[in-house]
């Protein structure tokens, strides 16, 4: 592996962006698919996409981004991780109807914009809470 790539991957923020990017694409893809399947029931689409994407995100961030190994704190990590995602889901559930119903945005455009806000919440929450180690 080239030295520059190795140095980039050694940086936790870079790994967070890569894994977060993968998870964001999956979550947004699921949101779009659920929107198509459920005919614009965007809050249901949001909930279902979060349920699937948070499990994927937990596994990838725990293993690759924050390099946590072992099973000793798996349940505790998952509960802390989910509590961060519940905050993100709550912010998303408030912002999405505001942008769709009040601002007149499409649900897909609104969800894409909200991803920027939730990404910042996610990184800080997971770094300093979910996968924090003494």
N, C-alpha and C. Protein backbone atom coordinates (compact mmCIF):
# COMPACT_ATOMS: atom_id res chain seq x y z
N UNK A 1 0.85 -1.17 0.00
CA UNK A 1 0.00 0.00 0.00
C UNK A 1 0.90 1.24 0.00
N UNK A 2 0.65 2.18 -0.88
CA UNK A 2 1.48 3.40 -0.92
C UNK A 2 1.45 4.15 0.42
N UNK A 3 2.54 4.83 0.70
CA UNK A 3 2.70 5.51 1.99
C UNK A 3 1.61 6.55 2.22
N UNK A 4 1.26 7.34 1.21
CA UNK A 4 0.23 8.37 1.37
C UNK A 4 -1.10 7.74 1.74
N UNK A 5 -1.46 6.68 1.05
CA UNK A 5 -2.72 6.00 1.34
C UNK A 5 -2.70 5.41 2.75
N UNK A 6 -1.57 4.84 3.13
CA UNK A 6 -1.43 4.27 4.48
C UNK A 6 -1.58 5.37 5.53
N UNK A 7 -0.98 6.54 5.28
CA UNK A 7 -1.10 7.66 6.22
C UNK A 7 -2.54 8.16 6.31
N UNK A 8 -3.20 8.24 5.17
CA UNK A 8 -4.60 8.68 5.16
C UNK A 8 -5.48 7.72 5.95
N UNK A 9 -5.29 6.43 5.72
CA UNK A 9 -6.11 5.43 6.41
C UNK A 9 -5.77 5.31 7.89
N UNK A 10 -4.61 5.79 8.28
CA UNK A 10 -4.24 5.79 9.69
C UNK A 10 -5.00 6.88 10.45
N UNK A 11 -5.54 7.85 9.73
CA UNK A 11 -6.28 8.95 10.35
C UNK A 11 -7.74 8.54 10.56
N UNK A 12 -8.16 8.57 11.80
CA UNK A 12 -9.52 8.18 12.17
C UNK A 12 -10.58 8.99 11.41
N UNK A 13 -10.32 10.28 11.20
CA UNK A 13 -11.29 11.13 10.48
C UNK A 13 -11.47 10.66 9.04
N UNK A 14 -10.38 10.25 8.41
CA UNK A 14 -10.46 9.74 7.04
C UNK A 14 -11.28 8.45 7.01
N UNK A 15 -11.01 7.57 7.95
CA UNK A 15 -11.78 6.32 8.01
C UNK A 15 -13.25 6.61 8.28
N UNK A 16 -13.53 7.60 9.15
CA UNK A 16 -14.92 7.98 9.42
C UNK A 16 -15.60 8.47 8.14
N UNK A 17 -14.92 9.28 7.37
CA UNK A 17 -15.50 9.80 6.13
C UNK A 17 -15.76 8.67 5.14
N UNK A 18 -14.82 7.74 5.02
CA UNK A 18 -15.00 6.62 4.09
C UNK A 18 -16.16 5.73 4.51
N UNK A 19 -16.14 5.29 5.76
CA UNK A 19 -17.21 4.41 6.26
C UNK A 19 -18.53 5.17 6.30
N UNK A 20 -18.49 6.40 6.76
CA UNK A 20 -19.70 7.22 6.78
C UNK A 20 -20.25 7.44 5.39
N UNK A 21 -19.37 7.62 4.42
CA UNK A 21 -19.81 7.79 3.03
C UNK A 21 -20.51 6.54 2.51
N UNK A 22 -19.91 5.40 2.79
CA UNK A 22 -20.54 4.13 2.39
C UNK A 22 -21.90 3.99 3.03
N UNK A 23 -21.96 4.23 4.34
CA UNK A 23 -23.22 4.09 5.05
C UNK A 23 -24.25 5.11 4.59
N UNK A 24 -23.81 6.33 4.30
CA UNK A 24 -24.73 7.37 3.82
C UNK A 24 -25.33 6.98 2.48
N UNK A 25 -24.52 6.45 1.59
CA UNK A 25 -25.03 6.01 0.29
C UNK A 25 -26.05 4.89 0.48
N UNK A 26 -25.74 3.94 1.34
CA UNK A 26 -26.67 2.84 1.61
C UNK A 26 -27.96 3.37 2.23
N UNK A 27 -27.84 4.22 3.26
CA UNK A 27 -29.02 4.76 3.94
C UNK A 27 -29.88 5.59 2.99
N UNK A 28 -29.24 6.44 2.20
CA UNK A 28 -30.00 7.27 1.26
C UNK A 28 -30.63 6.40 0.18
N UNK A 29 -29.90 5.39 -0.29
CA UNK A 29 -30.46 4.46 -1.27
C UNK A 29 -31.68 3.73 -0.73
N UNK A 30 -31.59 3.31 0.53
CA UNK A 30 -32.75 2.67 1.17
C UNK A 30 -33.91 3.66 1.31
N UNK A 31 -33.61 4.90 1.68
CA UNK A 31 -34.65 5.92 1.80
C UNK A 31 -35.37 6.10 0.46
N UNK A 32 -34.60 6.20 -0.62
CA UNK A 32 -35.19 6.35 -1.96
C UNK A 32 -36.03 5.13 -2.31
N UNK A 33 -35.51 3.94 -2.03
CA UNK A 33 -36.26 2.71 -2.34
C UNK A 33 -37.55 2.63 -1.53
N UNK A 34 -37.48 2.96 -0.25
CA UNK A 34 -38.68 2.93 0.58
C UNK A 34 -39.68 4.02 0.14
N UNK A 35 -39.17 5.17 -0.26
CA UNK A 35 -40.05 6.22 -0.78
C UNK A 35 -40.81 5.73 -2.01
N UNK A 36 -40.10 5.04 -2.89
CA UNK A 36 -40.74 4.50 -4.10
C UNK A 36 -41.75 3.41 -3.73
N UNK A 37 -41.39 2.58 -2.77
CA UNK A 37 -42.26 1.47 -2.38
C UNK A 37 -43.50 1.93 -1.62
N UNK A 38 -43.35 2.97 -0.81
CA UNK A 38 -44.46 3.39 0.05
C UNK A 38 -45.12 4.68 -0.40
N UNK A 39 -44.79 5.15 -1.60
CA UNK A 39 -45.49 6.28 -2.19
C UNK A 39 -45.45 7.57 -1.40
N UNK A 40 -44.28 7.98 -0.97
CA UNK A 40 -44.16 9.29 -0.34
C UNK A 40 -44.41 9.32 1.15
N UNK A 41 -44.47 8.21 1.80
CA UNK A 41 -44.60 8.20 3.27
C UNK A 41 -43.20 8.37 3.85
N UNK A 42 -42.71 9.60 3.77
CA UNK A 42 -41.30 9.86 4.03
C UNK A 42 -40.86 9.57 5.47
N UNK A 43 -41.71 9.74 6.44
CA UNK A 43 -41.29 9.41 7.82
C UNK A 43 -41.15 7.90 8.01
N UNK A 44 -42.01 7.11 7.38
CA UNK A 44 -41.87 5.66 7.42
C UNK A 44 -40.59 5.25 6.70
N UNK A 45 -40.34 5.87 5.55
CA UNK A 45 -39.11 5.59 4.79
C UNK A 45 -37.88 5.93 5.61
N UNK A 46 -37.94 7.06 6.32
CA UNK A 46 -36.83 7.47 7.17
C UNK A 46 -36.57 6.44 8.26
N UNK A 47 -37.61 6.03 8.95
CA UNK A 47 -37.46 5.07 10.05
C UNK A 47 -36.89 3.74 9.55
N UNK A 48 -37.44 3.22 8.48
CA UNK A 48 -36.97 1.93 7.96
C UNK A 48 -35.52 2.01 7.48
N UNK A 49 -35.17 3.08 6.80
CA UNK A 49 -33.79 3.20 6.31
C UNK A 49 -32.82 3.34 7.49
N UNK A 50 -33.20 4.06 8.55
CA UNK A 50 -32.35 4.18 9.73
C UNK A 50 -32.17 2.83 10.43
N UNK A 51 -33.24 2.06 10.52
CA UNK A 51 -33.13 0.75 11.20
C UNK A 51 -32.09 -0.13 10.53
N UNK A 52 -32.09 -0.17 9.22
CA UNK A 52 -31.14 -1.01 8.49
C UNK A 52 -29.75 -0.39 8.52
N UNK A 53 -29.67 0.91 8.25
CA UNK A 53 -28.37 1.56 8.12
C UNK A 53 -27.62 1.64 9.45
N UNK A 54 -28.32 1.75 10.57
CA UNK A 54 -27.59 1.85 11.84
C UNK A 54 -26.86 0.56 12.19
N UNK A 55 -27.43 -0.56 11.82
CA UNK A 55 -26.75 -1.83 12.09
C UNK A 55 -25.47 -1.93 11.26
N UNK A 56 -25.58 -1.58 9.98
CA UNK A 56 -24.40 -1.57 9.12
C UNK A 56 -23.36 -0.58 9.65
N UNK A 57 -23.81 0.61 9.99
CA UNK A 57 -22.89 1.65 10.48
C UNK A 57 -22.17 1.20 11.75
N UNK A 58 -22.91 0.59 12.67
CA UNK A 58 -22.29 0.13 13.92
C UNK A 58 -21.17 -0.85 13.63
N UNK A 59 -21.45 -1.83 12.81
CA UNK A 59 -20.43 -2.86 12.53
C UNK A 59 -19.20 -2.24 11.86
N UNK A 60 -19.42 -1.39 10.87
CA UNK A 60 -18.29 -0.81 10.14
C UNK A 60 -17.50 0.20 10.98
N UNK A 61 -18.20 1.09 11.68
CA UNK A 61 -17.49 2.08 12.49
C UNK A 61 -16.76 1.43 13.65
N UNK A 62 -17.36 0.46 14.27
CA UNK A 62 -16.72 -0.19 15.42
C UNK A 62 -15.43 -0.88 14.98
N UNK A 63 -15.51 -1.59 13.88
CA UNK A 63 -14.36 -2.38 13.43
C UNK A 63 -13.31 -1.54 12.71
N UNK A 64 -13.73 -0.70 11.77
CA UNK A 64 -12.76 -0.02 10.91
C UNK A 64 -12.47 1.42 11.33
N UNK A 65 -13.47 2.21 11.63
CA UNK A 65 -13.23 3.61 11.95
C UNK A 65 -12.53 3.76 13.29
N UNK A 66 -13.10 3.17 14.32
CA UNK A 66 -12.58 3.35 15.67
C UNK A 66 -11.76 2.15 16.14
N UNK A 67 -11.62 1.13 15.29
CA UNK A 67 -10.76 -0.04 15.53
C UNK A 67 -10.97 -0.68 16.90
N UNK A 68 -12.23 -0.87 17.27
CA UNK A 68 -12.55 -1.52 18.53
C UNK A 68 -12.62 -3.02 18.26
N UNK A 69 -11.94 -3.79 19.08
CA UNK A 69 -11.96 -5.24 18.91
C UNK A 69 -12.46 -5.89 20.18
N UNK A 70 -12.81 -7.13 20.07
CA UNK A 70 -13.29 -7.88 21.23
C UNK A 70 -14.78 -7.72 21.43
N UNK A 71 -15.34 -8.61 22.22
CA UNK A 71 -16.77 -8.62 22.45
C UNK A 71 -17.16 -8.06 23.82
N UNK A 72 -16.17 -7.75 24.65
CA UNK A 72 -16.45 -7.36 26.04
C UNK A 72 -17.45 -6.22 26.15
N UNK A 73 -17.33 -5.22 25.31
CA UNK A 73 -18.21 -4.07 25.44
C UNK A 73 -19.15 -3.94 24.23
N UNK A 74 -19.38 -5.03 23.53
CA UNK A 74 -20.20 -4.99 22.32
C UNK A 74 -21.60 -4.44 22.59
N UNK A 75 -22.27 -4.95 23.59
CA UNK A 75 -23.64 -4.50 23.89
C UNK A 75 -23.63 -3.04 24.35
N UNK A 76 -22.71 -2.70 25.24
CA UNK A 76 -22.63 -1.31 25.72
C UNK A 76 -22.32 -0.36 24.56
N UNK A 77 -21.38 -0.76 23.69
CA UNK A 77 -21.06 0.07 22.52
C UNK A 77 -22.30 0.24 21.64
N UNK A 78 -23.02 -0.85 21.42
CA UNK A 78 -24.20 -0.78 20.55
C UNK A 78 -25.26 0.14 21.16
N UNK A 79 -25.48 0.06 22.46
CA UNK A 79 -26.48 0.92 23.10
C UNK A 79 -26.07 2.39 23.04
N UNK A 80 -24.79 2.67 23.28
CA UNK A 80 -24.32 4.06 23.16
C UNK A 80 -24.42 4.53 21.71
N UNK A 81 -24.04 3.67 20.78
CA UNK A 81 -24.10 3.99 19.36
C UNK A 81 -25.54 4.31 18.96
N UNK A 82 -26.46 3.48 19.37
CA UNK A 82 -27.87 3.69 19.03
C UNK A 82 -28.41 4.97 19.66
N UNK A 83 -27.92 5.32 20.84
CA UNK A 83 -28.40 6.56 21.46
C UNK A 83 -27.98 7.77 20.64
N UNK A 84 -26.80 7.73 20.03
CA UNK A 84 -26.39 8.80 19.12
C UNK A 84 -27.30 8.80 17.90
N UNK A 85 -27.59 7.63 17.37
CA UNK A 85 -28.46 7.55 16.19
C UNK A 85 -29.89 7.97 16.50
N UNK A 86 -30.35 7.74 17.72
CA UNK A 86 -31.69 8.21 18.10
C UNK A 86 -31.73 9.74 18.08
N UNK A 87 -30.65 10.38 18.55
CA UNK A 87 -30.57 11.85 18.46
C UNK A 87 -30.61 12.29 17.01
N UNK A 88 -29.85 11.60 16.17
CA UNK A 88 -29.83 11.95 14.74
C UNK A 88 -31.19 11.71 14.11
N UNK A 89 -31.82 10.60 14.43
CA UNK A 89 -33.14 10.29 13.89
C UNK A 89 -34.15 11.33 14.36
N UNK A 90 -34.06 11.75 15.60
CA UNK A 90 -34.97 12.76 16.13
C UNK A 90 -34.81 14.09 15.39
N UNK A 91 -33.56 14.52 15.22
CA UNK A 91 -33.30 15.76 14.47
C UNK A 91 -33.83 15.63 13.05
N UNK A 92 -33.59 14.49 12.45
CA UNK A 92 -34.04 14.24 11.09
C UNK A 92 -35.56 14.24 11.00
N UNK A 93 -36.22 13.62 11.98
CA UNK A 93 -37.68 13.52 11.97
C UNK A 93 -38.34 14.89 12.17
N UNK A 94 -37.64 15.81 12.81
CA UNK A 94 -38.16 17.18 12.96
C UNK A 94 -37.88 17.99 11.69
N UNK A 95 -36.65 17.91 11.20
CA UNK A 95 -36.26 18.72 10.04
C UNK A 95 -36.94 18.29 8.74
N UNK A 96 -37.13 17.00 8.56
CA UNK A 96 -37.70 16.50 7.30
C UNK A 96 -39.10 17.06 7.03
N UNK A 97 -40.04 16.98 7.96
CA UNK A 97 -41.36 17.57 7.70
C UNK A 97 -41.31 19.09 7.53
N UNK A 98 -40.40 19.74 8.26
CA UNK A 98 -40.29 21.20 8.12
C UNK A 98 -39.89 21.55 6.68
N UNK A 99 -38.88 20.85 6.17
CA UNK A 99 -38.41 21.14 4.82
C UNK A 99 -39.42 20.70 3.76
N UNK A 100 -40.11 19.59 3.99
CA UNK A 100 -41.07 19.09 3.00
C UNK A 100 -42.38 19.87 3.06
N UNK A 101 -42.96 19.96 4.25
CA UNK A 101 -44.30 20.55 4.39
C UNK A 101 -44.27 22.08 4.39
N UNK A 102 -43.31 22.66 5.08
CA UNK A 102 -43.30 24.12 5.20
C UNK A 102 -42.49 24.81 4.11
N UNK A 103 -41.34 24.24 3.79
CA UNK A 103 -40.47 24.87 2.78
C UNK A 103 -40.78 24.40 1.37
N UNK A 104 -41.55 23.31 1.24
CA UNK A 104 -41.93 22.83 -0.08
C UNK A 104 -40.87 22.05 -0.83
N UNK A 105 -39.86 21.57 -0.13
CA UNK A 105 -38.82 20.77 -0.77
C UNK A 105 -39.36 19.37 -1.04
N UNK A 106 -38.76 18.68 -1.99
CA UNK A 106 -39.08 17.27 -2.17
C UNK A 106 -38.45 16.51 -1.00
N UNK A 107 -39.03 15.37 -0.67
CA UNK A 107 -38.47 14.60 0.45
C UNK A 107 -37.05 14.13 0.15
N UNK A 108 -36.76 13.84 -1.11
CA UNK A 108 -35.41 13.37 -1.45
C UNK A 108 -34.39 14.49 -1.30
N UNK A 109 -34.72 15.69 -1.73
CA UNK A 109 -33.80 16.83 -1.59
C UNK A 109 -33.63 17.19 -0.11
N UNK A 110 -34.73 17.18 0.63
CA UNK A 110 -34.66 17.51 2.06
C UNK A 110 -33.77 16.52 2.79
N UNK A 111 -33.94 15.23 2.51
CA UNK A 111 -33.14 14.21 3.18
C UNK A 111 -31.67 14.36 2.83
N UNK A 112 -31.37 14.67 1.58
CA UNK A 112 -29.98 14.87 1.17
C UNK A 112 -29.35 16.04 1.94
N UNK A 113 -30.08 17.12 2.14
CA UNK A 113 -29.56 18.28 2.88
C UNK A 113 -29.36 17.95 4.35
N UNK A 114 -30.28 17.21 4.92
CA UNK A 114 -30.21 16.88 6.35
C UNK A 114 -29.00 15.99 6.65
N UNK A 115 -28.57 15.22 5.69
CA UNK A 115 -27.41 14.34 5.88
C UNK A 115 -26.19 15.13 6.33
N UNK A 116 -26.04 16.34 5.85
CA UNK A 116 -24.89 17.17 6.23
C UNK A 116 -24.90 17.43 7.73
N UNK A 117 -26.06 17.79 8.26
CA UNK A 117 -26.20 18.07 9.70
C UNK A 117 -25.97 16.81 10.52
N UNK A 118 -26.59 15.72 10.11
CA UNK A 118 -26.50 14.49 10.91
C UNK A 118 -25.10 13.87 10.85
N UNK A 119 -24.35 14.14 9.81
CA UNK A 119 -22.98 13.63 9.72
C UNK A 119 -22.10 14.24 10.82
N UNK A 120 -22.25 15.51 11.05
CA UNK A 120 -21.48 16.18 12.09
C UNK A 120 -21.86 15.64 13.47
N UNK A 121 -23.16 15.51 13.72
CA UNK A 121 -23.64 14.95 14.98
C UNK A 121 -23.08 13.54 15.16
N UNK A 122 -23.10 12.77 14.09
CA UNK A 122 -22.64 11.38 14.14
C UNK A 122 -21.17 11.28 14.53
N UNK A 123 -20.31 12.02 13.86
CA UNK A 123 -18.89 11.92 14.15
C UNK A 123 -18.59 12.28 15.60
N UNK A 124 -19.11 13.41 16.04
CA UNK A 124 -18.83 13.85 17.41
C UNK A 124 -19.41 12.88 18.44
N UNK A 125 -20.62 12.43 18.21
CA UNK A 125 -21.25 11.49 19.14
C UNK A 125 -20.52 10.17 19.23
N UNK A 126 -20.12 9.64 18.08
CA UNK A 126 -19.45 8.34 18.09
C UNK A 126 -18.02 8.44 18.62
N UNK A 127 -17.33 9.51 18.28
CA UNK A 127 -15.96 9.66 18.74
C UNK A 127 -15.90 9.84 20.26
N UNK A 128 -16.76 10.71 20.78
CA UNK A 128 -16.65 11.07 22.19
C UNK A 128 -17.62 10.31 23.10
N UNK A 129 -18.49 9.48 22.52
CA UNK A 129 -19.44 8.76 23.37
C UNK A 129 -19.51 7.28 23.01
N UNK A 130 -19.92 6.95 21.79
CA UNK A 130 -20.16 5.55 21.43
C UNK A 130 -18.94 4.66 21.62
N UNK A 131 -17.81 5.07 21.07
CA UNK A 131 -16.62 4.23 21.07
C UNK A 131 -15.50 4.81 21.92
N UNK A 132 -15.85 5.63 22.87
CA UNK A 132 -14.89 6.23 23.77
C UNK A 132 -14.24 5.14 24.61
N UNK A 133 -12.97 5.25 24.77
CA UNK A 133 -12.24 4.31 25.61
C UNK A 133 -11.42 5.10 26.62
N UNK A 134 -11.28 4.59 27.84
CA UNK A 134 -10.50 5.30 28.86
C UNK A 134 -9.04 5.42 28.46
